[in-house]
Every structure is written in C-alpha cells, then in structure tokens.
All heavy atoms as atom14 arrays in JSON, in Angstrom:
{
  "sequence": "LRFRAWMPYDYSSEFSFTLTYVCQFVTVMFAAIANLTSENLFSGLMI",
  "atom14_mask": [
    [1, 1, 1, 1, 1, 1, 1, 1, 0, 0, 0, 0, 0, 0],
    [1, 1, 1, 1, 1, 1, 1, 1, 1, 1, 1, 0, 0, 0],
    [1, 1, 1, 1, 1, 1, 1, 1, 1, 1, 1, 0, 0, 0],
    [1, 1, 1, 1, 1, 1, 1, 1, 1, 1, 1, 0, 0, 0],
    [1, 1, 1, 1, 1, 0, 0, 0, 0, 0, 0, 0, 0, 0],
    [1, 1, 1, 1, 1, 1, 1, 1, 1, 1, 1, 1, 1, 1],
    [1, 1, 1, 1, 1, 1, 1, 1, 0, 0, 0, 0, 0, 0],
    [1, 1, 1, 1, 1, 1, 1, 0, 0, 0, 0, 0, 0, 0],
    [1, 1, 1, 1, 1, 1, 1, 1, 1, 1, 1, 1, 0, 0],
    [1, 1, 1, 1, 1, 1, 1, 1, 0, 0, 0, 0, 0, 0],
    [1, 1, 1, 1, 1, 1, 1, 1, 1, 1, 1, 1, 0, 0],
    [1, 1, 1, 1, 1, 1, 0, 0, 0, 0, 0, 0, 0, 0],
    [1, 1, 1, 1, 1, 1, 0, 0, 0, 0, 0, 0, 0, 0],
    [1, 1, 1, 1, 1, 1, 1, 1, 1, 0, 0, 0, 0, 0],
    [1, 1, 1, 1, 1, 1, 1, 1, 1, 1, 1, 0, 0, 0],
    [1, 1, 1, 1, 1, 1, 0, 0, 0, 0, 0, 0, 0, 0],
    [1, 1, 1, 1, 1, 1, 1, 1, 1, 1, 1, 0, 0, 0],
    [1, 1, 1, 1, 1, 1, 1, 0, 0, 0, 0, 0, 0, 0],
    [1, 1, 1, 1, 1, 1, 1, 1, 0, 0, 0, 0, 0, 0],
    [1, 1, 1, 1, 1, 1, 1, 0, 0, 0, 0, 0, 0, 0],
    [1, 1, 1, 1, 1, 1, 1, 1, 1, 1, 1, 1, 0, 0],
    [1, 1, 1, 1, 1, 1, 1, 0, 0, 0, 0, 0, 0, 0],
    [1, 1, 1, 1, 1, 1, 0, 0, 0, 0, 0, 0, 0, 0],
    [1, 1, 1, 1, 1, 1, 1, 1, 1, 0, 0, 0, 0, 0],
    [1, 1, 1, 1, 1, 1, 1, 1, 1, 1, 1, 0, 0, 0],
    [1, 1, 1, 1, 1, 1, 1, 0, 0, 0, 0, 0, 0, 0],
    [1, 1, 1, 1, 1, 1, 1, 0, 0, 0, 0, 0, 0, 0],
    [1, 1, 1, 1, 1, 1, 1, 0, 0, 0, 0, 0, 0, 0],
    [1, 1, 1, 1, 1, 1, 1, 1, 0, 0, 0, 0, 0, 0],
    [1, 1, 1, 1, 1, 1, 1, 1, 1, 1, 1, 0, 0, 0],
    [1, 1, 1, 1, 1, 0, 0, 0, 0, 0, 0, 0, 0, 0],
    [1, 1, 1, 1, 1, 0, 0, 0, 0, 0, 0, 0, 0, 0],
    [1, 1, 1, 1, 1, 1, 1, 1, 0, 0, 0, 0, 0, 0],
    [1, 1, 1, 1, 1, 0, 0, 0, 0, 0, 0, 0, 0, 0],
    [1, 1, 1, 1, 1, 1, 1, 1, 0, 0, 0, 0, 0, 0],
    [1, 1, 1, 1, 1, 1, 1, 1, 0, 0, 0, 0, 0, 0],
    [1, 1, 1, 1, 1, 1, 1, 0, 0, 0, 0, 0, 0, 0],
    [1, 1, 1, 1, 1, 1, 0, 0, 0, 0, 0, 0, 0, 0],
    [1, 1, 1, 1, 1, 1, 1, 1, 1, 0, 0, 0, 0, 0],
    [1, 1, 1, 1, 1, 1, 1, 1, 0, 0, 0, 0, 0, 0],
    [1, 1, 1, 1, 1, 1, 1, 1, 0, 0, 0, 0, 0, 0],
    [1, 1, 1, 1, 1, 1, 1, 1, 1, 1, 1, 0, 0, 0],
    [1, 1, 1, 1, 1, 1, 0, 0, 0, 0, 0, 0, 0, 0],
    [1, 1, 1, 1, 0, 0, 0, 0, 0, 0, 0, 0, 0, 0],
    [1, 1, 1, 1, 1, 1, 1, 1, 0, 0, 0, 0, 0, 0],
    [1, 1, 1, 1, 1, 1, 1, 1, 0, 0, 0, 0, 0, 0],
    [1, 1, 1, 1, 1, 1, 1, 1, 0, 0, 0, 0, 0, 0]
  ],
  "atom14_positions": [
    [[-2.22, 4.29, 12.27], [-1.92, 3.99, 10.87], [-2.73, 4.9, 9.96], [-3.84, 5.32, 10.31], [-2.23, 2.52, 10.55], [-1.38, 1.47, 11.26], [-1.88, 0.07, 10.91], [0.09, 1.6, 10.91], [0.0, 0.0, 0.0], [0.0, 0.0, 0.0], [0.0, 0.0, 0.0], [0.0, 0.0, 0.0], [0.0, 0.0, 0.0], [0.0, 0.0, 0.0]],
    [[-2.18, 5.2, 8.78], [-2.87, 6.1, 7.86], [-4.2, 5.51, 7.43], [-5.19, 6.21, 7.28], [-1.97, 6.35, 6.63], [-2.58, 7.25, 5.57], [-2.55, 8.7, 5.98], [-3.31, 8.98, 7.18], [-4.44, 9.65, 7.19], [-4.95, 10.15, 6.09], [-5.09, 9.88, 8.3], [0.0, 0.0, 0.0], [0.0, 0.0, 0.0], [0.0, 0.0, 0.0]],
    [[-4.27, 4.21, 7.22], [-5.5, 3.54, 6.81], [-5.84, 2.46, 7.84], [-4.96, 1.72, 8.28], [-5.35, 2.92, 5.42], [-5.06, 3.92, 4.34], [-3.79, 4.0, 3.79], [-6.04, 4.79, 3.9], [-3.51, 4.93, 2.8], [-5.76, 5.72, 2.91], [-4.49, 5.79, 2.36], [0.0, 0.0, 0.0], [0.0, 0.0, 0.0], [0.0, 0.0, 0.0]],
    [[-7.12, 2.38, 8.17], [-7.57, 1.38, 9.14], [-7.26, -0.02, 8.64], [-7.52, -0.35, 7.48], [-9.07, 1.5, 9.37], [-9.53, 2.71, 10.13], [-11.03, 2.66, 10.3], [-11.42, 1.46, 11.05], [-11.72, 1.45, 12.33], [-11.68, 2.57, 13.03], [-12.07, 0.34, 12.93], [0.0, 0.0, 0.0], [0.0, 0.0, 0.0], [0.0, 0.0, 0.0]],
    [[-6.73, -0.86, 9.52], [-6.47, -2.25, 9.17], [-6.22, -3.04, 10.46], [-5.61, -2.52, 11.4], [-5.26, -2.38, 8.25], [0.0, 0.0, 0.0], [0.0, 0.0, 0.0], [0.0, 0.0, 0.0], [0.0, 0.0, 0.0], [0.0, 0.0, 0.0], [0.0, 0.0, 0.0], [0.0, 0.0, 0.0], [0.0, 0.0, 0.0], [0.0, 0.0, 0.0]],
    [[-6.74, -4.25, 10.5], [-6.5, -5.12, 11.65], [-5.15, -5.79, 11.5], [-4.81, -6.28, 10.42], [-7.6, -6.17, 11.72], [-7.41, -7.17, 12.83], [-7.79, -7.02, 14.13], [-6.79, -8.45, 12.73], [-7.45, -8.13, 14.85], [-6.83, -9.04, 14.01], [-6.22, -9.17, 11.67], [-6.31, -10.31, 14.27], [-5.69, -10.42, 11.93], [-5.75, -10.98, 13.21]],
    [[-4.37, -5.8, 12.57], [-3.06, -6.44, 12.57], [-3.04, -7.57, 13.61], [-3.57, -7.39, 14.72], [-1.96, -5.43, 12.9], [-1.79, -4.33, 11.86], [-1.24, -4.99, 10.28], [-1.49, -3.55, 9.23], [0.0, 0.0, 0.0], [0.0, 0.0, 0.0], [0.0, 0.0, 0.0], [0.0, 0.0, 0.0], [0.0, 0.0, 0.0], [0.0, 0.0, 0.0]],
    [[-2.42, -8.69, 13.3], [-2.41, -9.84, 14.23], [-1.36, -9.7, 15.33], [-0.96, -10.7, 15.92], [-2.09, -11.01, 13.3], [-1.27, -10.42, 12.21], [-1.8, -9.03, 12.01], [0.0, 0.0, 0.0], [0.0, 0.0, 0.0], [0.0, 0.0, 0.0], [0.0, 0.0, 0.0], [0.0, 0.0, 0.0], [0.0, 0.0, 0.0], [0.0, 0.0, 0.0]],
    [[-0.91, -8.5, 15.6], [0.11, -8.27, 16.63], [-0.06, -6.86, 17.2], [-0.76, -6.02, 16.62], [1.52, -8.46, 16.06], [1.83, -7.55, 14.88], [2.34, -6.26, 15.08], [1.62, -7.98, 13.58], [2.62, -5.43, 14.01], [1.89, -7.15, 12.5], [2.39, -5.88, 12.72], [2.66, -5.06, 11.66], [0.0, 0.0, 0.0], [0.0, 0.0, 0.0]],
    [[0.6, -6.62, 18.29], [0.56, -5.31, 18.95], [1.65, -4.43, 18.35], [2.83, -4.76, 18.41], [0.79, -5.49, 20.45], [0.73, -4.16, 21.19], [0.25, -3.17, 20.59], [1.18, -4.11, 22.35], [0.0, 0.0, 0.0], [0.0, 0.0, 0.0], [0.0, 0.0, 0.0], [0.0, 0.0, 0.0], [0.0, 0.0, 0.0], [0.0, 0.0, 0.0]],
    [[1.24, -3.3, 17.76], [2.23, -2.4, 17.15], [2.33, -1.07, 17.89], [2.61, -0.03, 17.31], [1.89, -2.15, 15.66], [0.51, -1.6, 15.39], [0.29, -0.23, 15.38], [-0.56, -2.44, 15.1], [-0.96, 0.29, 15.12], [-1.81, -1.93, 14.84], [-2.01, -0.56, 14.85], [-3.26, -0.05, 14.59], [0.0, 0.0, 0.0], [0.0, 0.0, 0.0]],
    [[2.14, -1.13, 19.21], [2.18, 0.1, 20.01], [3.6, 0.6, 20.26], [3.79, 1.79, 20.53], [1.47, -0.13, 21.34], [2.08, -1.2, 22.05], [0.0, 0.0, 0.0], [0.0, 0.0, 0.0], [0.0, 0.0, 0.0], [0.0, 0.0, 0.0], [0.0, 0.0, 0.0], [0.0, 0.0, 0.0], [0.0, 0.0, 0.0], [0.0, 0.0, 0.0]],
    [[4.6, -0.29, 20.19], [5.98, 0.16, 20.4], [6.47, 0.99, 19.22], [5.93, 0.89, 18.11], [6.9, -1.04, 20.62], [7.03, -1.78, 19.43], [0.0, 0.0, 0.0], [0.0, 0.0, 0.0], [0.0, 0.0, 0.0], [0.0, 0.0, 0.0], [0.0, 0.0, 0.0], [0.0, 0.0, 0.0], [0.0, 0.0, 0.0], [0.0, 0.0, 0.0]],
    [[7.48, 1.78, 19.47], [7.99, 2.69, 18.43], [8.47, 1.94, 17.2], [8.15, 2.29, 16.07], [9.14, 3.52, 19.02], [9.58, 4.69, 18.14], [8.57, 5.82, 18.14], [7.87, 6.01, 19.14], [8.49, 6.51, 17.1], [0.0, 0.0, 0.0], [0.0, 0.0, 0.0], [0.0, 0.0, 0.0], [0.0, 0.0, 0.0], [0.0, 0.0, 0.0]],
    [[9.25, 0.87, 17.43], [9.81, 0.13, 16.3], [8.74, -0.58, 15.49], [8.71, -0.49, 14.26], [10.84, -0.89, 16.82], [11.38, -1.8, 15.74], [12.32, -1.34, 14.83], [10.91, -3.11, 15.62], [12.8, -2.17, 13.83], [11.38, -3.94, 14.62], [12.33, -3.46, 13.72], [0.0, 0.0, 0.0], [0.0, 0.0, 0.0], [0.0, 0.0, 0.0]],
    [[7.83, -1.3, 16.19], [6.8, -2.07, 15.47], [5.83, -1.15, 14.73], [5.38, -1.47, 13.63], [6.04, -2.97, 16.45], [5.42, -2.2, 17.46], [0.0, 0.0, 0.0], [0.0, 0.0, 0.0], [0.0, 0.0, 0.0], [0.0, 0.0, 0.0], [0.0, 0.0, 0.0], [0.0, 0.0, 0.0], [0.0, 0.0, 0.0], [0.0, 0.0, 0.0]],
    [[5.52, 0.02, 15.33], [4.63, 0.95, 14.64], [5.29, 1.5, 13.38], [4.66, 1.58, 12.32], [4.24, 2.11, 15.56], [3.44, 3.17, 14.86], [2.09, 2.98, 14.58], [4.03, 4.36, 14.44], [1.36, 3.95, 13.9], [3.31, 5.33, 13.77], [1.97, 5.13, 13.51], [0.0, 0.0, 0.0], [0.0, 0.0, 0.0], [0.0, 0.0, 0.0]],
    [[6.56, 1.89, 13.49], [7.29, 2.43, 12.34], [7.36, 1.4, 11.22], [7.12, 1.71, 10.05], [8.71, 2.86, 12.74], [8.63, 3.83, 13.78], [9.45, 3.45, 11.55], [0.0, 0.0, 0.0], [0.0, 0.0, 0.0], [0.0, 0.0, 0.0], [0.0, 0.0, 0.0], [0.0, 0.0, 0.0], [0.0, 0.0, 0.0], [0.0, 0.0, 0.0]],
    [[7.68, 0.15, 11.59], [7.77, -0.92, 10.59], [6.42, -1.16, 9.93], [6.33, -1.29, 8.7], [8.27, -2.2, 11.26], [8.51, -3.4, 10.33], [9.62, -3.07, 9.33], [8.89, -4.63, 11.14], [0.0, 0.0, 0.0], [0.0, 0.0, 0.0], [0.0, 0.0, 0.0], [0.0, 0.0, 0.0], [0.0, 0.0, 0.0], [0.0, 0.0, 0.0]],
    [[5.34, -1.19, 10.73], [4.0, -1.42, 10.18], [3.56, -0.26, 9.29], [2.97, -0.46, 8.23], [2.98, -1.6, 11.33], [3.42, -2.65, 12.18], [1.6, -1.93, 10.78], [0.0, 0.0, 0.0], [0.0, 0.0, 0.0], [0.0, 0.0, 0.0], [0.0, 0.0, 0.0], [0.0, 0.0, 0.0], [0.0, 0.0, 0.0], [0.0, 0.0, 0.0]],
    [[3.88, 0.96, 9.71], [3.51, 2.15, 8.94], [4.21, 2.15, 7.58], [3.58, 2.41, 6.55], [3.87, 3.4, 9.73], [3.23, 4.67, 9.21], [2.01, 5.11, 9.71], [3.85, 5.43, 8.22], [1.43, 6.28, 9.25], [3.27, 6.59, 7.74], [2.07, 7.02, 8.26], [1.48, 8.17, 7.78], [0.0, 0.0, 0.0], [0.0, 0.0, 0.0]],
    [[5.52, 1.87, 7.61], [6.29, 1.83, 6.36], [5.79, 0.71, 5.45], [5.66, 0.9, 4.24], [7.79, 1.66, 6.66], [8.57, 1.39, 5.38], [8.34, 2.89, 7.37], [0.0, 0.0, 0.0], [0.0, 0.0, 0.0], [0.0, 0.0, 0.0], [0.0, 0.0, 0.0], [0.0, 0.0, 0.0], [0.0, 0.0, 0.0], [0.0, 0.0, 0.0]],
    [[5.48, -0.43, 6.05], [4.98, -1.57, 5.27], [3.65, -1.23, 4.6], [3.43, -1.55, 3.43], [4.83, -2.79, 6.18], [4.37, -4.29, 5.3], [0.0, 0.0, 0.0], [0.0, 0.0, 0.0], [0.0, 0.0, 0.0], [0.0, 0.0, 0.0], [0.0, 0.0, 0.0], [0.0, 0.0, 0.0], [0.0, 0.0, 0.0], [0.0, 0.0, 0.0]],
    [[2.77, -0.54, 5.34], [1.49, -0.15, 4.77], [1.68, 0.87, 3.64], [1.01, 0.81, 2.61], [0.57, 0.44, 5.84], [-0.86, 0.64, 5.36], [-1.75, 1.23, 6.43], [-1.74, 2.43, 6.67], [-2.55, 0.37, 7.06], [0.0, 0.0, 0.0], [0.0, 0.0, 0.0], [0.0, 0.0, 0.0], [0.0, 0.0, 0.0], [0.0, 0.0, 0.0]],
    [[2.62, 1.81, 3.85], [2.92, 2.81, 2.82], [3.4, 2.14, 1.54], [2.94, 2.44, 0.43], [3.96, 3.79, 3.33], [4.52, 4.7, 2.28], [3.79, 5.78, 1.82], [5.76, 4.47, 1.71], [4.28, 6.63, 0.84], [6.28, 5.31, 0.74], [5.54, 6.39, 0.3], [0.0, 0.0, 0.0], [0.0, 0.0, 0.0], [0.0, 0.0, 0.0]],
    [[4.35, 1.19, 1.67], [4.89, 0.48, 0.51], [3.78, -0.31, -0.19], [3.69, -0.33, -1.43], [6.03, -0.46, 0.94], [6.46, -1.36, -0.22], [7.23, 0.34, 1.44], [0.0, 0.0, 0.0], [0.0, 0.0, 0.0], [0.0, 0.0, 0.0], [0.0, 0.0, 0.0], [0.0, 0.0, 0.0], [0.0, 0.0, 0.0], [0.0, 0.0, 0.0]],
    [[2.89, -0.93, 0.59], [1.79, -1.7, 0.01], [0.84, -0.82, -0.78], [0.41, -1.17, -1.89], [1.02, -2.44, 1.12], [1.92, -3.25, 1.87], [-0.07, -3.32, 0.53], [0.0, 0.0, 0.0], [0.0, 0.0, 0.0], [0.0, 0.0, 0.0], [0.0, 0.0, 0.0], [0.0, 0.0, 0.0], [0.0, 0.0, 0.0], [0.0, 0.0, 0.0]],
    [[0.51, 0.34, -0.23], [-0.38, 1.28, -0.93], [0.27, 1.77, -2.23], [-0.4, 1.93, -3.25], [-0.75, 2.45, 0.0], [-1.49, 3.54, -0.77], [-1.61, 1.98, 1.15], [0.0, 0.0, 0.0], [0.0, 0.0, 0.0], [0.0, 0.0, 0.0], [0.0, 0.0, 0.0], [0.0, 0.0, 0.0], [0.0, 0.0, 0.0], [0.0, 0.0, 0.0]],
    [[1.61, 1.98, -2.19], [2.31, 2.38, -3.41], [2.27, 1.27, -4.47], [2.06, 1.53, -5.65], [3.75, 2.74, -3.09], [3.93, 4.02, -2.28], [3.25, 5.51, -3.1], [1.73, 5.75, -2.15], [0.0, 0.0, 0.0], [0.0, 0.0, 0.0], [0.0, 0.0, 0.0], [0.0, 0.0, 0.0], [0.0, 0.0, 0.0], [0.0, 0.0, 0.0]],
    [[2.46, 0.01, -4.02], [2.35, -1.12, -4.95], [0.94, -1.2, -5.54], [0.77, -1.48, -6.74], [2.69, -2.43, -4.24], [4.16, -2.7, -4.11], [4.68, -3.29, -2.96], [5.04, -2.39, -5.14], [6.05, -3.55, -2.85], [6.4, -2.64, -5.03], [6.9, -3.22, -3.88], [0.0, 0.0, 0.0], [0.0, 0.0, 0.0], [0.0, 0.0, 0.0]],
    [[-0.06, -0.97, -4.69], [-1.44, -1.0, -5.17], [-1.68, 0.1, -6.21], [-2.35, -0.12, -7.23], [-2.4, -0.83, -3.99], [0.0, 0.0, 0.0], [0.0, 0.0, 0.0], [0.0, 0.0, 0.0], [0.0, 0.0, 0.0], [0.0, 0.0, 0.0], [0.0, 0.0, 0.0], [0.0, 0.0, 0.0], [0.0, 0.0, 0.0], [0.0, 0.0, 0.0]],
    [[-1.13, 1.3, -5.96], [-1.27, 2.4, -6.92], [-0.61, 2.05, -8.24], [-1.16, 2.33, -9.32], [-0.67, 3.67, -6.33], [0.0, 0.0, 0.0], [0.0, 0.0, 0.0], [0.0, 0.0, 0.0], [0.0, 0.0, 0.0], [0.0, 0.0, 0.0], [0.0, 0.0, 0.0], [0.0, 0.0, 0.0], [0.0, 0.0, 0.0], [0.0, 0.0, 0.0]],
    [[0.57, 1.42, -8.18], [1.29, 1.04, -9.41], [0.49, 0.0, -10.19], [0.41, 0.06, -11.42], [2.68, 0.51, -9.07], [3.56, 1.65, -8.54], [3.35, -0.12, -10.29], [4.87, 1.19, -7.93], [0.0, 0.0, 0.0], [0.0, 0.0, 0.0], [0.0, 0.0, 0.0], [0.0, 0.0, 0.0], [0.0, 0.0, 0.0], [0.0, 0.0, 0.0]],
    [[-0.12, -0.96, -9.47], [-0.94, -1.98, -10.15], [-2.12, -1.35, -10.87], [-2.45, -1.73, -12.01], [-1.42, -3.02, -9.13], [0.0, 0.0, 0.0], [0.0, 0.0, 0.0], [0.0, 0.0, 0.0], [0.0, 0.0, 0.0], [0.0, 0.0, 0.0], [0.0, 0.0, 0.0], [0.0, 0.0, 0.0], [0.0, 0.0, 0.0], [0.0, 0.0, 0.0]],
    [[-2.77, -0.38, -10.22], [-3.88, 0.32, -10.87], [-3.4, 1.12, -12.07], [-4.04, 1.13, -13.13], [-4.56, 1.25, -9.85], [-5.49, 0.51, -8.92], [-6.61, 0.16, -9.28], [-5.03, 0.26, -7.7], [0.0, 0.0, 0.0], [0.0, 0.0, 0.0], [0.0, 0.0, 0.0], [0.0, 0.0, 0.0], [0.0, 0.0, 0.0], [0.0, 0.0, 0.0]],
    [[-2.27, 1.81, -11.92], [-1.69, 2.56, -13.04], [-1.39, 1.65, -14.21], [-1.65, 1.99, -15.37], [-0.41, 3.25, -12.58], [-0.55, 4.55, -11.79], [0.8, 4.96, -11.22], [-1.1, 5.67, -12.65], [0.0, 0.0, 0.0], [0.0, 0.0, 0.0], [0.0, 0.0, 0.0], [0.0, 0.0, 0.0], [0.0, 0.0, 0.0], [0.0, 0.0, 0.0]],
    [[-0.83, 0.49, -13.92], [-0.47, -0.45, -14.98], [-1.69, -0.89, -15.77], [-1.7, -0.87, -17.01], [0.23, -1.69, -14.38], [1.37, -1.28, -13.63], [0.65, -2.66, -15.47], [0.0, 0.0, 0.0], [0.0, 0.0, 0.0], [0.0, 0.0, 0.0], [0.0, 0.0, 0.0], [0.0, 0.0, 0.0], [0.0, 0.0, 0.0], [0.0, 0.0, 0.0]],
    [[-2.75, -1.26, -15.06], [-3.97, -1.72, -15.73], [-4.61, -0.62, -16.57], [-4.97, -0.84, -17.73], [-4.96, -2.23, -14.68], [-6.17, -2.64, -15.27], [0.0, 0.0, 0.0], [0.0, 0.0, 0.0], [0.0, 0.0, 0.0], [0.0, 0.0, 0.0], [0.0, 0.0, 0.0], [0.0, 0.0, 0.0], [0.0, 0.0, 0.0], [0.0, 0.0, 0.0]],
    [[-4.73, 0.57, -16.0], [-5.39, 1.66, -16.71], [-4.58, 2.15, -17.92], [-5.14, 2.4, -18.99], [-5.65, 2.82, -15.74], [-6.76, 2.52, -14.75], [-6.45, 3.02, -13.36], [-5.66, 3.97, -13.23], [-7.0, 2.44, -12.4], [0.0, 0.0, 0.0], [0.0, 0.0, 0.0], [0.0, 0.0, 0.0], [0.0, 0.0, 0.0], [0.0, 0.0, 0.0]],
    [[-3.26, 2.26, -17.74], [-2.42, 2.72, -18.85], [-2.28, 1.66, -19.93], [-2.11, 1.99, -21.11], [-1.05, 3.14, -18.33], [-1.09, 4.46, -17.59], [-1.72, 5.4, -18.03], [-0.44, 4.53, -16.44], [0.0, 0.0, 0.0], [0.0, 0.0, 0.0], [0.0, 0.0, 0.0], [0.0, 0.0, 0.0], [0.0, 0.0, 0.0], [0.0, 0.0, 0.0]],
    [[-2.31, 0.39, -19.54], [-2.29, -0.68, -20.53], [-3.55, -0.63, -21.39], [-3.49, -0.68, -22.62], [-2.17, -2.03, -19.84], [-2.23, -3.28, -20.74], [-1.09, -3.27, -21.75], [-2.19, -4.55, -19.9], [0.0, 0.0, 0.0], [0.0, 0.0, 0.0], [0.0, 0.0, 0.0], [0.0, 0.0, 0.0], [0.0, 0.0, 0.0], [0.0, 0.0, 0.0]],
    [[-4.71, -0.51, -20.71], [-5.97, -0.44, -21.45], [-6.02, 0.79, -22.35], [-6.32, 0.68, -23.55], [-7.15, -0.42, -20.48], [-8.49, -0.26, -21.14], [-9.13, -1.35, -21.67], [-9.09, 0.98, -21.24], [-10.36, -1.21, -22.3], [-10.31, 1.14, -21.86], [-10.95, 0.04, -22.39], [0.0, 0.0, 0.0], [0.0, 0.0, 0.0], [0.0, 0.0, 0.0]],
    [[-5.71, 1.96, -21.78], [-5.78, 3.19, -22.57], [-4.76, 3.18, -23.7], [-5.05, 3.65, -24.82], [-5.56, 4.41, -21.68], [-4.26, 4.4, -21.1], [0.0, 0.0, 0.0], [0.0, 0.0, 0.0], [0.0, 0.0, 0.0], [0.0, 0.0, 0.0], [0.0, 0.0, 0.0], [0.0, 0.0, 0.0], [0.0, 0.0, 0.0], [0.0, 0.0, 0.0]],
    [[-3.56, 2.62, -23.45], [-2.54, 2.55, -24.5], [-2.98, 1.69, -25.67], [-2.8, 2.06, -26.84], [0.0, 0.0, 0.0], [0.0, 0.0, 0.0], [0.0, 0.0, 0.0], [0.0, 0.0, 0.0], [0.0, 0.0, 0.0], [0.0, 0.0, 0.0], [0.0, 0.0, 0.0], [0.0, 0.0, 0.0], [0.0, 0.0, 0.0], [0.0, 0.0, 0.0]],
    [[-3.56, 0.54, -25.36], [-4.05, -0.34, -26.44], [-5.19, 0.31, -27.21], [-5.27, 0.19, -28.44], [-4.5, -1.68, -25.84], [-3.37, -2.56, -25.26], [-3.96, -3.77, -24.53], [-2.43, -3.02, -26.36], [0.0, 0.0, 0.0], [0.0, 0.0, 0.0], [0.0, 0.0, 0.0], [0.0, 0.0, 0.0], [0.0, 0.0, 0.0], [0.0, 0.0, 0.0]],
    [[-6.09, 1.02, -26.5], [-7.2, 1.67, -27.17], [-6.72, 2.85, -28.02], [-7.24, 3.09, -29.11], [-8.24, 2.14, -26.15], [-8.94, 1.02, -25.38], [-9.63, -0.29, -26.41], [-10.83, 0.59, -27.37], [0.0, 0.0, 0.0], [0.0, 0.0, 0.0], [0.0, 0.0, 0.0], [0.0, 0.0, 0.0], [0.0, 0.0, 0.0], [0.0, 0.0, 0.0]],
    [[-5.73, 3.59, -27.52], [-5.17, 4.7, -28.3], [-4.55, 4.18, -29.59], [-4.72, 4.76, -30.67], [-4.14, 5.49, -27.47], [-4.84, 6.29, -26.37], [-3.34, 6.44, -28.36], [-3.91, 6.91, -25.37], [0.0, 0.0, 0.0], [0.0, 0.0, 0.0], [0.0, 0.0, 0.0], [0.0, 0.0, 0.0], [0.0, 0.0, 0.0], [0.0, 0.0, 0.0]]
  ]
}
C-alpha cells in the first residue's frame, strides 16, 4: 500500500489488494479535499 496502515483482513490476493489500494487512494483524496475546504474557507473569509 502507498501508505502504511493495519487492515483487519488479508489483502495479498490481486482483487483484495486492488480494492484496498483504490479505497486508500479515494480516502486520501477525500482527506485532501477536507483540508482544502477548511483552508480556503478560512482564507476566503479573511480576504
């Protein structure tokens, strides 16, 4: 996985690894959007 994380299941198979990898990618993108939202909201109000 791109980022270290403990998983409660074995993701060594091709399908489970791909699904876990995509899920982690989507989660990191959501996290980036949440950070963007907070920072741009603050900066927009201050501007």
